[in-house]
Full PDB file with SEQRES, HELIX, SHEET, SSBOND, CRYST1, ORIGX, SCALE, CONECT and MASTER records, all heavy atoms in Angstrom:
SEQRES   1 A   42  LEU SER PRO GLU GLN ALA MET TYR TYR PHE LEU LEU GLY          
SEQRES   2 A   42  TYR SER THR ASN ILE PRO GLY ILE GLU GLU ASP VAL LYS          
SEQRES   3 A   42  GLU PRO GLU ALA THR PHE SER PRO CYS PHE GLY ALA PRO          
SEQRES   4 A   42  PHE LEU ALA                                                  
HELIX    1 AA1 PRO A    3  LEU A   12  1                                  10    
HELIX    2 AA2 PRO A   34  PHE A   36  5                                   3    
HELIX    3 AA3 ALA A   38  PHE A   40  5                                   3    
SHEET    1 AA1 2 TYR A  14  ASN A  17  0                                        
SHEET    2 AA1 2 GLU A  29  PHE A  32 -1                                        
CRYST1    1.000    1.000    1.000  90.00  90.00  90.00 P 1           1          
ORIGX1      1.000000  0.000000  0.000000        0.00000                         
ORIGX2      0.000000  1.000000  0.000000        0.00000                         
ORIGX3      0.000000  0.000000  1.000000        0.00000                         
SCALE1      1.000000  0.000000  0.000000        0.00000                         
SCALE2      0.000000  1.000000  0.000000        0.00000                         
SCALE3      0.000000  0.000000  1.000000        0.00000                         
ATOM      1  N   LEU A   1      89.513 262.397-112.380  1.00  0.00           N  
ATOM      2  CA  LEU A   1      89.386 263.401-111.378  1.00  0.00           C  
ATOM      3  C   LEU A   1      89.442 264.802-111.970  1.00  0.00           C  
ATOM      4  O   LEU A   1      90.270 265.108-112.858  1.00  0.00           O  
ATOM      5  CB  LEU A   1      90.504 263.276-110.337  1.00  0.00           C  
ATOM      6  CG  LEU A   1      90.646 261.923-109.601  1.00  0.00           C  
ATOM      7  CD1 LEU A   1      91.836 261.978-108.615  1.00  0.00           C  
ATOM      8  CD2 LEU A   1      89.365 261.582-108.855  1.00  0.00           C  
ATOM      9  N   SER A   2      88.631 265.718-111.390  1.00  0.00           N  
ATOM     10  CA  SER A   2      88.793 267.152-111.693  1.00  0.00           C  
ATOM     11  C   SER A   2      89.960 267.651-110.886  1.00  0.00           C  
ATOM     12  O   SER A   2      90.440 267.015-109.926  1.00  0.00           O  
ATOM     13  CB  SER A   2      87.534 267.856-111.291  1.00  0.00           C  
ATOM     14  OG  SER A   2      87.376 267.861-109.868  1.00  0.00           O  
ATOM     15  N   PRO A   3      90.479 268.853-111.198  1.00  0.00           N  
ATOM     16  CA  PRO A   3      91.585 269.429-110.336  1.00  0.00           C  
ATOM     17  C   PRO A   3      91.227 269.530-108.886  1.00  0.00           C  
ATOM     18  O   PRO A   3      92.014 269.217-108.033  1.00  0.00           O  
ATOM     19  CB  PRO A   3      91.807 270.802-110.996  1.00  0.00           C  
ATOM     20  CG  PRO A   3      91.379 270.623-112.413  1.00  0.00           C  
ATOM     21  CD  PRO A   3      90.209 269.709-112.370  1.00  0.00           C  
ATOM     22  N   GLU A   4      89.968 269.884-108.617  1.00  0.00           N  
ATOM     23  CA  GLU A   4      89.511 269.958-107.207  1.00  0.00           C  
ATOM     24  C   GLU A   4      89.506 268.645-106.542  1.00  0.00           C  
ATOM     25  O   GLU A   4      89.913 268.475-105.369  1.00  0.00           O  
ATOM     26  CB  GLU A   4      88.140 270.662-107.159  1.00  0.00           C  
ATOM     27  CG  GLU A   4      88.109 272.109-107.565  1.00  0.00           C  
ATOM     28  CD  GLU A   4      88.253 272.308-109.055  1.00  0.00           C  
ATOM     29  OE1 GLU A   4      87.867 271.375-109.807  1.00  0.00           O  
ATOM     30  OE2 GLU A   4      88.665 273.369-109.529  1.00  0.00           O  
ATOM     31  N   GLN A   5      88.995 267.585-107.277  1.00  0.00           N  
ATOM     32  CA  GLN A   5      89.003 266.231-106.700  1.00  0.00           C  
ATOM     33  C   GLN A   5      90.447 265.764-106.472  1.00  0.00           C  
ATOM     34  O   GLN A   5      90.742 265.096-105.512  1.00  0.00           O  
ATOM     35  CB  GLN A   5      88.256 265.297-107.598  1.00  0.00           C  
ATOM     36  CG  GLN A   5      86.757 265.467-107.535  1.00  0.00           C  
ATOM     37  CD  GLN A   5      86.010 264.587-108.605  1.00  0.00           C  
ATOM     38  OE1 GLN A   5      86.543 264.378-109.731  1.00  0.00           O  
ATOM     39  NE2 GLN A   5      84.892 264.047-108.198  1.00  0.00           N  
ATOM     40  N   ALA A   6      91.340 266.069-107.408  1.00  0.00           N  
ATOM     41  CA  ALA A   6      92.726 265.701-107.269  1.00  0.00           C  
ATOM     42  C   ALA A   6      93.314 266.268-106.029  1.00  0.00           C  
ATOM     43  O   ALA A   6      94.048 265.602-105.255  1.00  0.00           O  
ATOM     44  CB  ALA A   6      93.519 266.051-108.495  1.00  0.00           C  
ATOM     45  N   MET A   7      93.056 267.552-105.764  1.00  0.00           N  
ATOM     46  CA  MET A   7      93.537 268.232-104.570  1.00  0.00           C  
ATOM     47  C   MET A   7      92.966 267.581-103.311  1.00  0.00           C  
ATOM     48  O   MET A   7      93.632 267.373-102.295  1.00  0.00           O  
ATOM     49  CB  MET A   7      93.156 269.728-104.602  1.00  0.00           C  
ATOM     50  CG  MET A   7      93.993 270.566-105.572  1.00  0.00           C  
ATOM     51  SD  MET A   7      93.468 272.316-105.529  1.00  0.00           S  
ATOM     52  CE  MET A   7      93.913 272.804-103.858  1.00  0.00           C  
ATOM     53  N   TYR A   8      91.663 267.264-103.403  1.00  0.00           N  
ATOM     54  CA  TYR A   8      90.988 266.648-102.232  1.00  0.00           C  
ATOM     55  C   TYR A   8      91.579 265.354-101.831  1.00  0.00           C  
ATOM     56  O   TYR A   8      91.922 265.090-100.696  1.00  0.00           O  
ATOM     57  CB  TYR A   8      89.466 266.505-102.584  1.00  0.00           C  
ATOM     58  CG  TYR A   8      88.597 266.053-101.384  1.00  0.00           C  
ATOM     59  CD1 TYR A   8      87.877 266.960-100.717  1.00  0.00           C  
ATOM     60  CD2 TYR A   8      88.491 264.682-101.075  1.00  0.00           C  
ATOM     61  CE1 TYR A   8      87.019 266.563 -99.639  1.00  0.00           C  
ATOM     62  CE2 TYR A   8      87.740 264.269-100.015  1.00  0.00           C  
ATOM     63  CZ  TYR A   8      87.011 265.213 -99.286  1.00  0.00           C  
ATOM     64  OH  TYR A   8      86.210 264.829 -98.277  1.00  0.00           O  
ATOM     65  N   TYR A   9      91.733 264.443-102.862  1.00  0.00           N  
ATOM     66  CA  TYR A   9      92.217 263.128-102.534  1.00  0.00           C  
ATOM     67  C   TYR A   9      93.745 263.062-102.288  1.00  0.00           C  
ATOM     68  O   TYR A   9      94.245 262.204-101.600  1.00  0.00           O  
ATOM     69  CB  TYR A   9      91.804 262.122-103.618  1.00  0.00           C  
ATOM     70  CG  TYR A   9      90.361 261.737-103.461  1.00  0.00           C  
ATOM     71  CD1 TYR A   9      89.359 262.409-104.194  1.00  0.00           C  
ATOM     72  CD2 TYR A   9      89.940 260.742-102.586  1.00  0.00           C  
ATOM     73  CE1 TYR A   9      88.021 262.072-104.049  1.00  0.00           C  
ATOM     74  CE2 TYR A   9      88.625 260.422-102.463  1.00  0.00           C  
ATOM     75  CZ  TYR A   9      87.654 261.106-103.140  1.00  0.00           C  
ATOM     76  OH  TYR A   9      86.316 260.759-102.962  1.00  0.00           O  
ATOM     77  N   PHE A  10      94.461 264.075-102.813  1.00  0.00           N  
ATOM     78  CA  PHE A  10      95.889 264.247-102.458  1.00  0.00           C  
ATOM     79  C   PHE A  10      96.002 264.656-101.024  1.00  0.00           C  
ATOM     80  O   PHE A  10      96.825 264.128-100.241  1.00  0.00           O  
ATOM     81  CB  PHE A  10      96.499 265.280-103.416  1.00  0.00           C  
ATOM     82  CG  PHE A  10      97.868 265.713-103.036  1.00  0.00           C  
ATOM     83  CD1 PHE A  10      98.990 264.852-103.236  1.00  0.00           C  
ATOM     84  CD2 PHE A  10      98.119 266.949-102.507  1.00  0.00           C  
ATOM     85  CE1 PHE A  10     100.260 265.268-102.886  1.00  0.00           C  
ATOM     86  CE2 PHE A  10      99.436 267.353-102.173  1.00  0.00           C  
ATOM     87  CZ  PHE A  10     100.478 266.512-102.418  1.00  0.00           C  
ATOM     88  N   LEU A  11      95.218 265.641-100.597  1.00  0.00           N  
ATOM     89  CA  LEU A  11      95.221 266.065 -99.246  1.00  0.00           C  
ATOM     90  C   LEU A  11      94.781 264.975 -98.286  1.00  0.00           C  
ATOM     91  O   LEU A  11      95.274 264.880 -97.173  1.00  0.00           O  
ATOM     92  CB  LEU A  11      94.375 267.358 -99.111  1.00  0.00           C  
ATOM     93  CG  LEU A  11      94.527 268.193 -97.844  1.00  0.00           C  
ATOM     94  CD1 LEU A  11      95.971 268.628 -97.604  1.00  0.00           C  
ATOM     95  CD2 LEU A  11      93.572 269.436 -97.914  1.00  0.00           C  
ATOM     96  N   LEU A  12      93.853 264.165 -98.756  1.00  0.00           N  
ATOM     97  CA  LEU A  12      93.338 263.045 -97.907  1.00  0.00           C  
ATOM     98  C   LEU A  12      94.355 261.936 -97.702  1.00  0.00           C  
ATOM     99  O   LEU A  12      94.572 261.476 -96.617  1.00  0.00           O  
ATOM    100  CB  LEU A  12      92.068 262.496 -98.556  1.00  0.00           C  
ATOM    101  CG  LEU A  12      91.366 261.350 -97.858  1.00  0.00           C  
ATOM    102  CD1 LEU A  12      90.659 261.886 -96.622  1.00  0.00           C  
ATOM    103  CD2 LEU A  12      90.363 260.711 -98.820  1.00  0.00           C  
ATOM    104  N   GLY A  13      94.993 261.498 -98.819  1.00  0.00           N  
ATOM    105  CA  GLY A  13      95.983 260.476 -98.749  1.00  0.00           C  
ATOM    106  C   GLY A  13      95.404 259.108 -98.262  1.00  0.00           C  
ATOM    107  O   GLY A  13      95.896 258.507 -97.331  1.00  0.00           O  
ATOM    108  N   TYR A  14      94.337 258.673 -98.874  1.00  0.00           N  
ATOM    109  CA  TYR A  14      93.578 257.507 -98.369  1.00  0.00           C  
ATOM    110  C   TYR A  14      94.220 256.171 -98.801  1.00  0.00           C  
ATOM    111  O   TYR A  14      94.542 255.994 -99.962  1.00  0.00           O  
ATOM    112  CB  TYR A  14      92.131 257.519 -98.759  1.00  0.00           C  
ATOM    113  CG  TYR A  14      91.431 256.207 -98.628  1.00  0.00           C  
ATOM    114  CD1 TYR A  14      91.220 255.672 -97.362  1.00  0.00           C  
ATOM    115  CD2 TYR A  14      90.987 255.484 -99.760  1.00  0.00           C  
ATOM    116  CE1 TYR A  14      90.576 254.425 -97.246  1.00  0.00           C  
ATOM    117  CE2 TYR A  14      90.349 254.277 -99.609  1.00  0.00           C  
ATOM    118  CZ  TYR A  14      90.148 253.736 -98.314  1.00  0.00           C  
ATOM    119  OH  TYR A  14      89.557 252.526 -98.159  1.00  0.00           O  
ATOM    120  N   SER A  15      94.322 255.230 -97.883  1.00  0.00           N  
ATOM    121  CA  SER A  15      94.583 253.857 -98.193  1.00  0.00           C  
ATOM    122  C   SER A  15      93.984 253.072 -96.930  1.00  0.00           C  
ATOM    123  O   SER A  15      93.254 253.605 -96.174  1.00  0.00           O  
ATOM    124  CB  SER A  15      96.092 253.603 -98.353  1.00  0.00           C  
ATOM    125  OG  SER A  15      96.264 252.290 -98.874  1.00  0.00           O  
ATOM    126  N   THR A  16      94.397 251.779 -96.796  1.00  0.00           N  
ATOM    127  CA  THR A  16      93.823 251.015 -95.688  1.00  0.00           C  
ATOM    128  C   THR A  16      94.908 250.132 -95.082  1.00  0.00           C  
ATOM    129  O   THR A  16      95.813 249.647 -95.716  1.00  0.00           O  
ATOM    130  CB  THR A  16      92.660 250.152 -96.144  1.00  0.00           C  
ATOM    131  OG1 THR A  16      92.989 249.527 -97.366  1.00  0.00           O  
ATOM    132  CG2 THR A  16      91.386 250.950 -96.234  1.00  0.00           C  
ATOM    133  N   ASN A  17      94.797 249.896 -93.783  1.00  0.00           N  
ATOM    134  CA  ASN A  17      95.508 248.834 -93.076  1.00  0.00           C  
ATOM    135  C   ASN A  17      94.611 247.572 -93.182  1.00  0.00           C  
ATOM    136  O   ASN A  17      93.427 247.629 -93.057  1.00  0.00           O  
ATOM    137  CB  ASN A  17      95.755 249.175 -91.629  1.00  0.00           C  
ATOM    138  CG  ASN A  17      96.725 250.268 -91.452  1.00  0.00           C  
ATOM    139  OD1 ASN A  17      97.663 250.427 -92.258  1.00  0.00           O  
ATOM    140  ND2 ASN A  17      96.573 251.100 -90.436  1.00  0.00           N  
ATOM    141  N   ILE A  18      95.307 246.439 -93.413  1.00  0.00           N  
ATOM    142  CA  ILE A  18      94.547 245.164 -93.505  1.00  0.00           C  
ATOM    143  C   ILE A  18      94.972 244.186 -92.443  1.00  0.00           C  
ATOM    144  O   ILE A  18      96.110 244.244 -91.949  1.00  0.00           O  
ATOM    145  CB  ILE A  18      94.749 244.561 -94.909  1.00  0.00           C  
ATOM    146  CG1 ILE A  18      96.209 244.190 -95.141  1.00  0.00           C  
ATOM    147  CG2 ILE A  18      94.262 245.534 -95.984  1.00  0.00           C  
ATOM    148  CD1 ILE A  18      96.425 243.458 -96.479  1.00  0.00           C  
ATOM    149  N   PRO A  19      94.126 243.234 -92.094  1.00  0.00           N  
ATOM    150  CA  PRO A  19      94.492 242.207 -91.122  1.00  0.00           C  
ATOM    151  C   PRO A  19      95.718 241.394 -91.574  1.00  0.00           C  
ATOM    152  O   PRO A  19      95.874 241.100 -92.730  1.00  0.00           O  
ATOM    153  CB  PRO A  19      93.239 241.333 -91.035  1.00  0.00           C  
ATOM    154  CG  PRO A  19      92.090 242.206 -91.501  1.00  0.00           C  
ATOM    155  CD  PRO A  19      92.739 243.117 -92.562  1.00  0.00           C  
ATOM    156  N   GLY A  20      96.525 241.072 -90.641  1.00  0.00           N  
ATOM    157  CA  GLY A  20      97.703 240.199 -90.915  1.00  0.00           C  
ATOM    158  C   GLY A  20      98.969 240.995 -91.111  1.00  0.00           C  
ATOM    159  O   GLY A  20     100.060 240.409 -91.010  1.00  0.00           O  
ATOM    160  N   ILE A  21      98.921 242.294 -91.390  1.00  0.00           N  
ATOM    161  CA  ILE A  21     100.125 243.087 -91.509  1.00  0.00           C  
ATOM    162  C   ILE A  21     100.559 243.721 -90.205  1.00  0.00           C  
ATOM    163  O   ILE A  21     101.745 243.685 -89.814  1.00  0.00           O  
ATOM    164  CB  ILE A  21      99.891 244.199 -92.569  1.00  0.00           C  
ATOM    165  CG1 ILE A  21      99.495 243.565 -93.941  1.00  0.00           C  
ATOM    166  CG2 ILE A  21     101.170 245.065 -92.741  1.00  0.00           C  
ATOM    167  CD1 ILE A  21     100.560 242.686 -94.546  1.00  0.00           C  
ATOM    168  N   GLU A  22      99.612 244.265 -89.457  1.00  0.00           N  
ATOM    169  CA  GLU A  22      99.880 244.834 -88.164  1.00  0.00           C  
ATOM    170  C   GLU A  22      99.161 243.950 -87.118  1.00  0.00           C  
ATOM    171  O   GLU A  22      98.011 243.570 -87.328  1.00  0.00           O  
ATOM    172  CB  GLU A  22      99.436 246.295 -88.090  1.00  0.00           C  
ATOM    173  CG  GLU A  22     100.288 247.183 -89.021  1.00  0.00           C  
ATOM    174  CD  GLU A  22      99.864 248.644 -88.879  1.00  0.00           C  
ATOM    175  OE1 GLU A  22      99.222 249.005 -87.853  1.00  0.00           O  
ATOM    176  OE2 GLU A  22     100.319 249.494 -89.692  1.00  0.00           O  
ATOM    177  N   GLU A  23      99.817 243.743 -85.962  1.00  0.00           N  
ATOM    178  CA  GLU A  23      99.318 242.777 -85.033  1.00  0.00           C  
ATOM    179  C   GLU A  23      97.915 243.086 -84.536  1.00  0.00           C  
ATOM    180  O   GLU A  23      97.069 242.170 -84.377  1.00  0.00           O  
ATOM    181  CB  GLU A  23     100.266 242.762 -83.834  1.00  0.00           C  
ATOM    182  CG  GLU A  23     101.619 242.150 -84.125  1.00  0.00           C  
ATOM    183  CD  GLU A  23     102.442 242.076 -82.878  1.00  0.00           C  
ATOM    184  OE1 GLU A  23     101.952 242.437 -81.776  1.00  0.00           O  
ATOM    185  OE2 GLU A  23     103.645 241.706 -82.989  1.00  0.00           O  
ATOM    186  N   ASP A  24      97.514 244.358 -84.267  1.00  0.00           N  
ATOM    187  CA  ASP A  24      96.272 244.679 -83.707  1.00  0.00           C  
ATOM    188  C   ASP A  24      95.154 244.889 -84.719  1.00  0.00           C  
ATOM    189  O   ASP A  24      94.041 245.212 -84.287  1.00  0.00           O  
ATOM    190  CB  ASP A  24      96.449 245.932 -82.839  1.00  0.00           C  
ATOM    191  CG  ASP A  24      97.405 245.692 -81.683  1.00  0.00           C  
ATOM    192  OD1 ASP A  24      97.493 244.544 -81.193  1.00  0.00           O  
ATOM    193  OD2 ASP A  24      98.068 246.678 -81.290  1.00  0.00           O  
ATOM    194  N   VAL A  25      95.418 244.741 -85.978  1.00  0.00           N  
ATOM    195  CA  VAL A  25      94.386 244.986 -86.986  1.00  0.00           C  
ATOM    196  C   VAL A  25      93.639 243.679 -87.287  1.00  0.00           C  
ATOM    197  O   VAL A  25      94.214 242.740 -87.757  1.00  0.00           O  
ATOM    198  CB  VAL A  25      95.014 245.572 -88.270  1.00  0.00           C  
ATOM    199  CG1 VAL A  25      93.949 245.779 -89.378  1.00  0.00           C  
ATOM    200  CG2 VAL A  25      95.691 246.868 -88.017  1.00  0.00           C  
ATOM    201  N   LYS A  26      92.297 243.679 -86.896  1.00  0.00           N  
ATOM    202  CA  LYS A  26      91.531 242.479 -87.117  1.00  0.00           C  
ATOM    203  C   LYS A  26      90.557 242.617 -88.280  1.00  0.00           C  
ATOM    204  O   LYS A  26      89.994 241.615 -88.796  1.00  0.00           O  
ATOM    205  CB  LYS A  26      90.709 242.187 -85.832  1.00  0.00           C  
ATOM    206  CG  LYS A  26      91.565 242.067 -84.571  1.00  0.00           C  
ATOM    207  CD  LYS A  26      92.622 240.974 -84.698  1.00  0.00           C  
ATOM    208  CE  LYS A  26      93.433 240.871 -83.424  1.00  0.00           C  
ATOM    209  NZ  LYS A  26      94.522 239.857 -83.581  1.00  0.00           N  
ATOM    210  N   GLU A  27      90.267 243.836 -88.764  1.00  0.00           N  
ATOM    211  CA  GLU A  27      89.464 244.060 -89.873  1.00  0.00           C  
ATOM    212  C   GLU A  27      89.955 245.290 -90.636  1.00  0.00           C  
ATOM    213  O   GLU A  27      90.818 246.004 -90.019  1.00  0.00           O  
ATOM    214  CB  GLU A  27      87.988 244.294 -89.433  1.00  0.00           C  
ATOM    215  CG  GLU A  27      87.772 245.457 -88.502  1.00  0.00           C  
ATOM    216  CD  GLU A  27      86.293 245.601 -88.045  1.00  0.00           C  
ATOM    217  OE1 GLU A  27      85.608 244.554 -88.056  1.00  0.00           O  
ATOM    218  OE2 GLU A  27      85.927 246.718 -87.723  1.00  0.00           O  
ATOM    219  N   PRO A  28      89.533 245.565 -91.853  1.00  0.00           N  
ATOM    220  CA  PRO A  28      90.051 246.717 -92.599  1.00  0.00           C  
ATOM    221  C   PRO A  28      89.885 248.004 -91.836  1.00  0.00           C  
ATOM    222  O   PRO A  28      88.859 248.248 -91.216  1.00  0.00           O  
ATOM    223  CB  PRO A  28      89.236 246.722 -93.870  1.00  0.00           C  
ATOM    224  CG  PRO A  28      88.681 245.379 -94.006  1.00  0.00           C  
ATOM    225  CD  PRO A  28      88.526 244.824 -92.606  1.00  0.00           C  
ATOM    226  N   GLU A  29      90.977 248.810 -91.865  1.00  0.00           N  
ATOM    227  CA  GLU A  29      90.888 250.178 -91.216  1.00  0.00           C  
ATOM    228  C   GLU A  29      91.365 251.210 -92.238  1.00  0.00           C  
ATOM    229  O   GLU A  29      92.383 251.060 -92.820  1.00  0.00           O  
ATOM    230  CB  GLU A  29      91.883 250.172 -89.999  1.00  0.00           C  
ATOM    231  CG  GLU A  29      91.443 249.348 -88.809  1.00  0.00           C  
ATOM    232  CD  GLU A  29      92.408 249.483 -87.657  1.00  0.00           C  
ATOM    233  OE1 GLU A  29      93.469 250.083 -87.842  1.00  0.00           O  
ATOM    234  OE2 GLU A  29      92.098 248.930 -86.573  1.00  0.00           O  
ATOM    235  N   ALA A  30      90.531 252.248 -92.358  1.00  0.00           N  
ATOM    236  CA  ALA A  30      90.897 253.388 -93.205  1.00  0.00           C  
ATOM    237  C   ALA A  30      92.102 254.075 -92.594  1.00  0.00           C  
ATOM    238  O   ALA A  30      92.127 254.325 -91.379  1.00  0.00           O  
ATOM    239  CB  ALA A  30      89.752 254.320 -93.402  1.00  0.00           C  
ATOM    240  N   THR A  31      93.061 254.388 -93.421  1.00  0.00           N  
ATOM    241  CA  THR A  31      94.233 255.203 -92.945  1.00  0.00           C  
ATOM    242  C   THR A  31      94.389 256.417 -93.848  1.00  0.00           C  
ATOM    243  O   THR A  31      94.180 256.317 -95.061  1.00  0.00           O  
ATOM    244  CB  THR A  31      95.521 254.364 -92.906  1.00  0.00           C  
ATOM    245  OG1 THR A  31      96.575 255.177 -92.429  1.00  0.00           O  
ATOM    246  CG2 THR A  31      95.848 253.822 -94.267  1.00  0.00           C  
ATOM    247  N   PHE A  32      94.691 257.523 -93.245  1.00  0.00           N  
ATOM    248  CA  PHE A  32      94.778 258.763 -94.004  1.00  0.00           C  
ATOM    249  C   PHE A  32      96.128 259.427 -93.716  1.00  0.00           C  
ATOM    250  O   PHE A  32      96.491 259.705 -92.610  1.00  0.00           O  
ATOM    251  CB  PHE A  32      93.632 259.722 -93.639  1.00  0.00           C  
ATOM    252  CG  PHE A  32      92.300 259.130 -93.860  1.00  0.00           C  
ATOM    253  CD1 PHE A  32      91.586 258.639 -92.752  1.00  0.00           C  
ATOM    254  CD2 PHE A  32      91.757 259.007 -95.112  1.00  0.00           C  
ATOM    255  CE1 PHE A  32      90.324 258.078 -92.919  1.00  0.00           C  
ATOM    256  CE2 PHE A  32      90.506 258.436 -95.283  1.00  0.00           C  
ATOM    257  CZ  PHE A  32      89.779 257.977 -94.166  1.00  0.00           C  
ATOM    258  N   SER A  33      96.904 259.596 -94.780  1.00  0.00           N  
ATOM    259  CA  SER A  33      98.246 260.233 -94.639  1.00  0.00           C  
ATOM    260  C   SER A  33      98.265 261.373 -95.668  1.00  0.00           C  
ATOM    261  O   SER A  33      98.537 261.217 -96.832  1.00  0.00           O  
ATOM    262  CB  SER A  33      99.305 259.161 -94.988  1.00  0.00           C  
ATOM    263  OG  SER A  33     100.619 259.732 -94.742  1.00  0.00           O  
ATOM    264  N   PRO A  34      98.015 262.600 -95.206  1.00  0.00           N  
ATOM    265  CA  PRO A  34      97.955 263.766 -96.079  1.00  0.00           C  
ATOM    266  C   PRO A  34      99.129 263.827 -97.046  1.00  0.00           C  
ATOM    267  O   PRO A  34     100.296 263.606 -96.676  1.00  0.00           O  
ATOM    268  CB  PRO A  34      97.952 264.949 -95.110  1.00  0.00           C  
ATOM    269  CG  PRO A  34      97.258 264.438 -93.888  1.00  0.00           C  
ATOM    270  CD  PRO A  34      97.696 263.026 -93.752  1.00  0.00           C  
ATOM    271  N   CYS A  35      98.793 264.110 -98.300  1.00  0.00           N  
ATOM    272  CA  CYS A  35      99.779 264.220 -99.360  1.00  0.00           C  
ATOM    273  C   CYS A  35     100.494 262.888 -99.624  1.00  0.00           C  
ATOM    274  O   CYS A  35     101.594 262.853-100.193  1.00  0.00           O  
ATOM    275  CB  CYS A  35     100.804 265.326 -99.089  1.00  0.00           C  
ATOM    276  SG  CYS A  35     100.077 266.923 -98.653  1.00  0.00           S  
ATOM    277  N   PHE A  36      99.878 261.790 -99.205  1.00  0.00           N  
ATOM    278  CA  PHE A  36     100.432 260.448 -99.305  1.00  0.00           C  
ATOM    279  C   PHE A  36     101.833 260.390 -98.693  1.00  0.00           C  
ATOM    280  O   PHE A  36     102.686 259.627 -99.144  1.00  0.00           O  
ATOM    281  CB  PHE A  36     100.453 260.018-100.777  1.00  0.00           C  
ATOM    282  CG  PHE A  36      99.106 259.847-101.368  1.00  0.00           C  
ATOM    283  CD1 PHE A  36      98.589 260.797-102.200  1.00  0.00           C  
ATOM    284  CD2 PHE A  36      98.351 258.741-101.111  1.00  0.00           C  
ATOM    285  CE1 PHE A  36      97.291 260.679-102.728  1.00  0.00           C  
ATOM    286  CE2 PHE A  36      97.108 258.539-101.678  1.00  0.00           C  
ATOM    287  CZ  PHE A  36      96.568 259.547-102.497  1.00  0.00           C  
ATOM    288  N   GLY A  37     102.044 261.170 -97.683  1.00  0.00           N  
ATOM    289  CA  GLY A  37     103.388 261.160 -97.032  1.00  0.00           C  
ATOM    290  C   GLY A  37     103.458 261.967 -95.753  1.00  0.00           C  
ATOM    291  O   GLY A  37     104.430 262.665 -95.545  1.00  0.00           O  
ATOM    292  N   ALA A  38     102.419 261.934 -94.918  1.00  0.00           N  
ATOM    293  CA  ALA A  38     102.367 262.745 -93.714  1.00  0.00           C  
ATOM    294  C   ALA A  38     103.651 262.648 -92.819  1.00  0.00           C  
ATOM    295  O   ALA A  38     104.083 263.659 -92.330  1.00  0.00           O  
ATOM    296  CB  ALA A  38     101.125 262.462 -92.890  1.00  0.00           C  
ATOM    297  N   PRO A  39     104.158 261.443 -92.620  1.00  0.00           N  
ATOM    298  CA  PRO A  39     105.378 261.366 -91.733  1.00  0.00           C  
ATOM    299  C   PRO A  39     106.621 262.132 -92.267  1.00  0.00           C  
ATOM    300  O   PRO A  39     107.527 262.373 -91.531  1.00  0.00           O  
ATOM    301  CB  PRO A  39     105.656 259.858 -91.658  1.00  0.00           C  
ATOM    302  CG  PRO A  39     104.328 259.194 -92.007  1.00  0.00           C  
ATOM    303  CD  PRO A  39     103.764 260.103 -93.020  1.00  0.00           C  
ATOM    304  N   PHE A  40     106.578 262.465 -93.542  1.00  0.00           N  
ATOM    305  CA  PHE A  40     107.734 263.102 -94.151  1.00  0.00           C  
ATOM    306  C   PHE A  40     107.527 264.603 -94.375  1.00  0.00           C  
ATOM    307  O   PHE A  40     108.492 265.273 -94.889  1.00  0.00           O  
ATOM    308  CB  PHE A  40     108.061 262.443 -95.521  1.00  0.00           C  
ATOM    309  CG  PHE A  40     107.771 260.975 -95.543  1.00  0.00           C  
ATOM    310  CD1 PHE A  40     107.041 260.376 -96.532  1.00  0.00           C  
ATOM    311  CD2 PHE A  40     108.392 260.141 -94.553  1.00  0.00           C  
ATOM    312  CE1 PHE A  40     106.792 259.023 -96.549  1.00  0.00           C  
ATOM    313  CE2 PHE A  40     108.172 258.767 -94.585  1.00  0.00           C  
ATOM    314  CZ  PHE A  40     107.380 258.210 -95.616  1.00  0.00           C  
ATOM    315  N   LEU A  41     106.349 265.081 -94.097  1.00  0.00           N  
ATOM    316  CA  LEU A  41     106.041 266.538 -94.305  1.00  0.00           C  
ATOM    317  C   LEU A  41     106.713 267.382 -93.237  1.00  0.00           C  
ATOM    318  O   LEU A  41     106.713 267.013 -92.039  1.00  0.00           O  
ATOM    319  CB  LEU A  41     104.555 266.761 -94.410  1.00  0.00           C  
ATOM    320  CG  LEU A  41     103.762 265.952 -95.378  1.00  0.00           C  
ATOM    321  CD1 LEU A  41     102.276 266.404 -95.346  1.00  0.00           C  
ATOM    322  CD2 LEU A  41     104.329 266.148 -96.795  1.00  0.00           C  
ATOM    323  N   ALA A  42     107.203 268.545 -93.669  1.00  0.00           N  
ATOM    324  CA  ALA A  42     107.713 269.498 -92.660  1.00  0.00           C  
ATOM    325  C   ALA A  42     106.792 270.635 -92.492  1.00  0.00           C  
ATOM    326  O   ALA A  42     106.625 271.223 -91.402  1.00  0.00           O  
ATOM    327  CB  ALA A  42     109.099 269.967 -93.094  1.00  0.00           C  
TER     328      ALA A  42                                                      
MASTER        0    0    0    3    2    0    0    6  327    1    0    4          
END                                                                             
C-alpha cells in the first residue's frame, strides 16, 4: 500500500460478516468499521 491507500483502507475498516456467525446472515455481507474500531471511537 501507498500512504494514501493505507489511509483509505484504515478509514474504511473493511471486513465481512459470514453465514453461521450471526442469525440473520445468509450470505457474505461487507462490513465497514472506520479505523477498524468504530464502536470505540470518540
